[in-house]
Every structure is written in C-alpha cells, then in structure tokens.
Amino acid sequence: MNFKTKKQSYKSQKKLWNDPDERVIFENTQEPIIEESVFLIVQNIRQSKKRPTKMGDMGMFSVLLYCAGCGGIIYQCRTNKFKREQEYFLCSTYRKDRDVCDTCTFYP
C-alpha cells in the first residue's frame, strides 16, 4: 500500500493522512509462501478456537502455546490491576492439579 500519508510541504514534519480512496494498493507483487486458500482455511480455524479474555481482547499466543511437560494448554494470566511486567503464562494442568504437571509459571 502506498500513499497512506502526505506532507503539506517538504519543510513540514507533520504527516497528514490521505483518504482511503487516494491510497494505492499493489497486489500480487511477490510470490506467496503458501497458497491463499490454505492461508484462509488456517485463519478460520485459528479464529474459531480463540476466545476473548474478560478484558475483551484476544491473546496473541492463544491456542498456540502448549506445555512441554504435560501437553496442556498454556493460558495468559492478566488483569487490569497488573502492569505489563506482571502478566504471566500458566499451564492449565498445573492450575488444576500441581502434582500432575511439575512445570511452573512462565513470564514473558
């Protein structure tokens, strides 16, 4: 995509956003790594498995992280009261029964 922004003058440092109809999109300029049909199928599968958190957003690694010890799903634990550094990942099996899975929490 080109021409998303413009400047009023070459002297100005301020960017102005162009209207979407003034933007130019160049499609198929590079050879794809995978076919588009395969990409769309995988995206549909990933979206159907994801569940939004109580805060309303989707976790970046949702349905992608699994515990190396037991194979359980790893959840991201966060809340409005946490700072970004306080968020952590926790194995679902470890959360239920700490004797079954001996791994601990993961901090990003």
Foldseek 3Di string as FASTA:
>chain_A
DDDQWDDPDPVDPDIDGDDPVPGDDDPPPDDDPDDPVVVVVVVVVVVVQWDADPVGHTDPCVPPDADPFPRADKDWDDDPPDDLQPIWIAGPVCVVPVVVGVDGIGTD
